[in-house]
Protein backbone atom coordinates (compact mmCIF):
# COMPACT_ATOMS: atom_id res chain seq x y z
CA UNK A 1 23.50 -9.94 20.66
CA UNK A 2 26.37 -7.43 20.67
CA UNK A 3 25.56 -3.73 20.72
CA UNK A 4 25.89 -2.04 17.33
CA UNK A 5 28.05 1.09 17.19
CA UNK A 6 27.24 4.29 15.31
CA UNK A 7 30.17 3.59 12.98
CA UNK A 8 28.64 0.28 11.91
CA UNK A 9 25.28 1.92 11.28
CA UNK A 10 26.84 4.76 9.29
CA UNK A 11 28.91 2.25 7.31
CA UNK A 12 25.72 0.32 6.50
CA UNK A 13 24.02 3.55 5.41
CA UNK A 14 27.04 4.35 3.22
CA UNK A 15 26.86 0.96 1.53
CA UNK A 16 23.13 1.40 0.94
CA UNK A 17 23.70 4.89 -0.51
CA UNK A 18 26.32 3.52 -2.89
CA UNK A 19 23.97 0.75 -4.03
CA UNK A 20 21.11 3.23 -4.52
CA UNK A 21 23.32 5.44 -6.69
CA UNK A 22 24.61 2.53 -8.73
CA UNK A 23 21.10 1.18 -9.22
CA UNK A 24 19.81 4.56 -10.40
CA UNK A 25 22.58 4.69 -13.02
CA UNK A 26 21.63 1.16 -14.13
CA UNK A 27 17.99 2.22 -14.50
CA UNK A 28 19.04 5.11 -16.74
CA UNK A 29 21.09 2.73 -18.89
CA UNK A 30 18.08 0.39 -19.16
CA UNK A 31 15.78 3.26 -20.14
CA UNK A 32 18.20 4.21 -22.89
CA UNK A 33 18.54 0.64 -24.14
CA UNK A 34 17.20 -1.03 -27.25
CA UNK A 35 15.58 -3.67 -25.05
CA UNK A 36 13.42 -1.05 -23.33
CA UNK A 37 12.34 0.45 -26.64
CA UNK A 38 11.66 -2.96 -28.21
CA UNK A 39 9.28 -3.87 -25.39
CA UNK A 40 6.96 -1.07 -26.35
CA UNK A 41 8.05 1.18 -23.48
CA UNK A 42 5.60 1.61 -20.61
CA UNK A 43 2.68 -0.34 -22.07
CA UNK A 44 4.16 -3.85 -22.16
CA UNK A 45 3.84 -6.27 -19.25
CA UNK A 46 7.62 -6.90 -19.02
CA UNK A 47 8.35 -3.19 -18.90
CA UNK A 48 5.67 -2.57 -16.25
CA UNK A 49 7.23 -5.36 -14.19
CA UNK A 50 10.67 -3.77 -14.60
CA UNK A 51 9.22 -0.46 -13.42
CA UNK A 52 7.63 -2.09 -10.38
CA UNK A 53 10.85 -4.01 -9.71
CA UNK A 54 12.92 -0.82 -9.87
CA UNK A 55 10.58 0.81 -7.36
CA UNK A 56 10.88 -2.27 -5.13
CA UNK A 57 14.69 -2.26 -5.23
CA UNK A 58 14.86 1.45 -4.44
CA UNK A 59 12.64 0.92 -1.39
CA UNK A 60 14.68 -2.13 -0.33
CA UNK A 61 17.90 -0.08 -0.51
CA UNK A 62 16.29 2.94 1.17
CA UNK A 63 15.42 0.95 4.30
CA UNK A 64 19.08 0.34 5.28
CA UNK A 65 19.91 3.88 4.23
CA UNK A 66 17.31 5.80 6.26
CA UNK A 67 16.88 3.64 9.37
CA UNK A 68 20.58 3.66 10.40
CA UNK A 69 20.69 7.42 9.91
CA UNK A 70 17.63 7.76 12.15
CA UNK A 71 19.20 5.43 14.73
CA UNK A 72 22.38 7.52 14.84
CA UNK A 73 20.96 11.02 14.54
CA UNK A 74 17.49 10.93 16.09
CA UNK A 75 15.51 9.47 18.94
CA UNK A 76 14.74 5.72 18.83
CA UNK A 77 11.07 6.46 18.12
CA UNK A 78 12.04 8.01 14.76
CA UNK A 79 13.99 4.89 13.84
CA UNK A 80 10.87 2.83 14.57
CA UNK A 81 8.72 5.18 12.50
CA UNK A 82 11.22 5.05 9.63
CA UNK A 83 11.45 1.26 9.79
CA UNK A 84 7.68 0.78 9.88
CA UNK A 85 7.16 3.26 7.04
CA UNK A 86 9.76 1.73 4.72
CA UNK A 87 8.82 -1.84 5.68
CA UNK A 88 5.16 -1.12 4.88
CA UNK A 89 6.16 0.43 1.55
CA UNK A 90 8.29 -2.64 0.82
CA UNK A 91 5.37 -4.97 1.58
CA UNK A 92 3.08 -2.97 -0.74
CA UNK A 93 5.75 -2.98 -3.47
CA UNK A 94 6.24 -6.73 -3.00
CA UNK A 95 2.53 -7.35 -3.51
CA UNK A 96 2.63 -5.17 -6.64
CA UNK A 97 5.61 -6.95 -8.18
CA UNK A 98 4.14 -10.35 -7.33
CA UNK A 99 0.90 -9.34 -9.03
CA UNK A 100 2.86 -8.28 -12.10
CA UNK A 101 4.86 -11.52 -12.17
CA UNK A 102 1.61 -13.44 -12.32
CA UNK A 103 0.56 -11.47 -15.40
CA UNK A 104 1.20 -13.27 -18.65
CA UNK A 105 4.53 -12.27 -20.15
CA UNK A 106 5.69 -10.09 -17.27
CA UNK A 107 8.88 -12.05 -16.65
CA UNK A 108 9.56 -12.72 -20.33
CA UNK A 109 9.96 -16.41 -19.57
CA UNK A 110 12.84 -15.80 -17.16
CA UNK A 111 12.67 -18.43 -14.40
CA UNK A 112 15.21 -16.43 -12.39
CA UNK A 113 12.76 -13.53 -11.99
CA UNK A 114 9.97 -15.79 -10.80
CA UNK A 115 12.27 -17.60 -8.34
CA UNK A 116 13.65 -14.30 -7.06
CA UNK A 117 10.12 -12.98 -6.56
CA UNK A 118 9.23 -15.99 -4.39
CA UNK A 119 12.48 -15.72 -2.39
CA UNK A 120 12.17 -11.99 -1.79
CA UNK A 121 8.52 -12.28 -0.77
CA UNK A 122 9.46 -14.66 2.04
CA UNK A 123 12.48 -12.53 2.93
CA UNK A 124 10.31 -9.40 3.22
CA UNK A 125 8.09 -11.16 5.75
CA UNK A 126 11.16 -12.12 7.78
CA UNK A 127 12.60 -8.63 7.43
CA UNK A 128 9.42 -7.05 8.81
CA UNK A 129 9.06 -9.28 11.87
CA UNK A 130 12.72 -9.69 12.89
CA UNK A 131 13.17 -6.46 14.92
CA UNK A 132 9.99 -7.09 16.89
CA UNK A 133 10.86 -10.75 17.43
CA UNK A 134 14.37 -9.93 18.66
CA UNK A 135 13.63 -6.77 20.64
CA UNK A 136 9.97 -6.86 21.58
CA UNK A 137 7.96 -3.65 21.40
CA UNK A 138 11.06 -1.41 21.66
CA UNK A 139 13.80 -2.86 19.47
CA UNK A 140 17.35 -1.61 19.90
CA UNK A 141 19.77 -0.80 17.08
CA UNK A 142 21.19 -4.33 17.23
CA UNK A 143 17.67 -5.73 16.77
CA UNK A 144 17.27 -3.83 13.50
CA UNK A 145 20.62 -4.94 12.09
CA UNK A 146 19.54 -8.39 10.76
CA UNK A 147 16.61 -6.80 8.92
CA UNK A 148 18.78 -4.06 7.48
CA UNK A 149 21.36 -6.57 6.27
CA UNK A 150 18.57 -8.71 4.81
CA UNK A 151 17.21 -5.66 2.96
CA UNK A 152 20.64 -5.05 1.45
CA UNK A 153 20.95 -8.72 0.49
CA UNK A 154 17.55 -9.01 -1.19
CA UNK A 155 18.03 -5.67 -2.95
CA UNK A 156 21.38 -6.88 -4.26
CA UNK A 157 20.06 -10.29 -5.36
CA UNK A 158 17.11 -8.63 -7.05
CA UNK A 159 19.44 -6.30 -8.92
CA UNK A 160 21.59 -9.24 -10.01
CA UNK A 161 18.51 -11.21 -11.06
CA UNK A 162 17.18 -8.34 -13.16
CA UNK A 163 20.56 -8.06 -14.87
CA UNK A 164 20.54 -11.78 -15.61
CA UNK A 165 16.94 -11.56 -16.87
CA UNK A 166 18.06 -8.96 -19.39
CA UNK A 167 20.46 -11.56 -20.76
CA UNK A 168 17.55 -14.03 -20.86
CA UNK A 169 15.45 -11.43 -22.68
CA UNK A 170 18.20 -10.89 -25.24
CA UNK A 171 17.91 -14.59 -26.15
CA UNK A 172 14.12 -14.40 -26.41
CA UNK A 173 12.95 -13.20 -29.81
CA UNK A 174 10.99 -9.98 -29.62
CA UNK A 175 8.14 -9.63 -32.09
CA UNK A 176 8.89 -7.10 -34.81
CA UNK A 177 6.87 -3.91 -34.60
CA UNK A 178 4.14 -3.57 -37.18
CA UNK A 179 4.92 -1.37 -40.14
CA UNK A 180 2.99 1.89 -40.14
CA UNK A 181 0.16 2.05 -42.62
CA UNK A 182 0.48 4.93 -45.02
CA UNK A 183 -2.54 7.17 -45.39
CA UNK A 184 -1.67 8.48 -48.85
CA UNK A 185 -2.29 6.44 -51.98
CA UNK A 186 0.58 4.68 -53.66
CA UNK A 187 2.18 6.40 -56.64
CA UNK A 188 2.53 3.14 -58.52
CA UNK A 189 -0.40 1.73 -60.44
CA UNK A 190 -1.18 -1.88 -60.81
CA UNK A 191 -1.54 -3.58 -64.24
């Protein structure tokens, strides 16, 4: 495999930083949306899944942001530590989102979310083992590159899938909230 230059790694980190910023803006738009409020905010299964999914995507984008910066600006051991730390966090987040997908109603009947969850779960396993498969116990920068690109790809597909699931959710009728019960007696009298 060809050696990866610092410019390529910094370019990859720049792309990841742009995607992180864009995703954060999208999360703020979702939090301010009618769809978020209609789901009952943080208590509903779909909203808890969206929260876990947002955490997952941020970790997936952070991996190709932090590891290239460590490869360029620090010793190789720090790149390994950064990769292992973010990969472990991504595995834990993947287990959490998978658990939430299996909950009733978490995906709001969006088959795209369930399919994306299965795809990304397999991709996370590949992402974790690729550097060690390609480079042995001391992977080089070029050995990390496929995993970093895969992290960008699955983060991007997950973002796109969540956006498409919002369109699916818009088509799904949301139950109307219950009317509040008044505690004071009615001013009208019956016959």
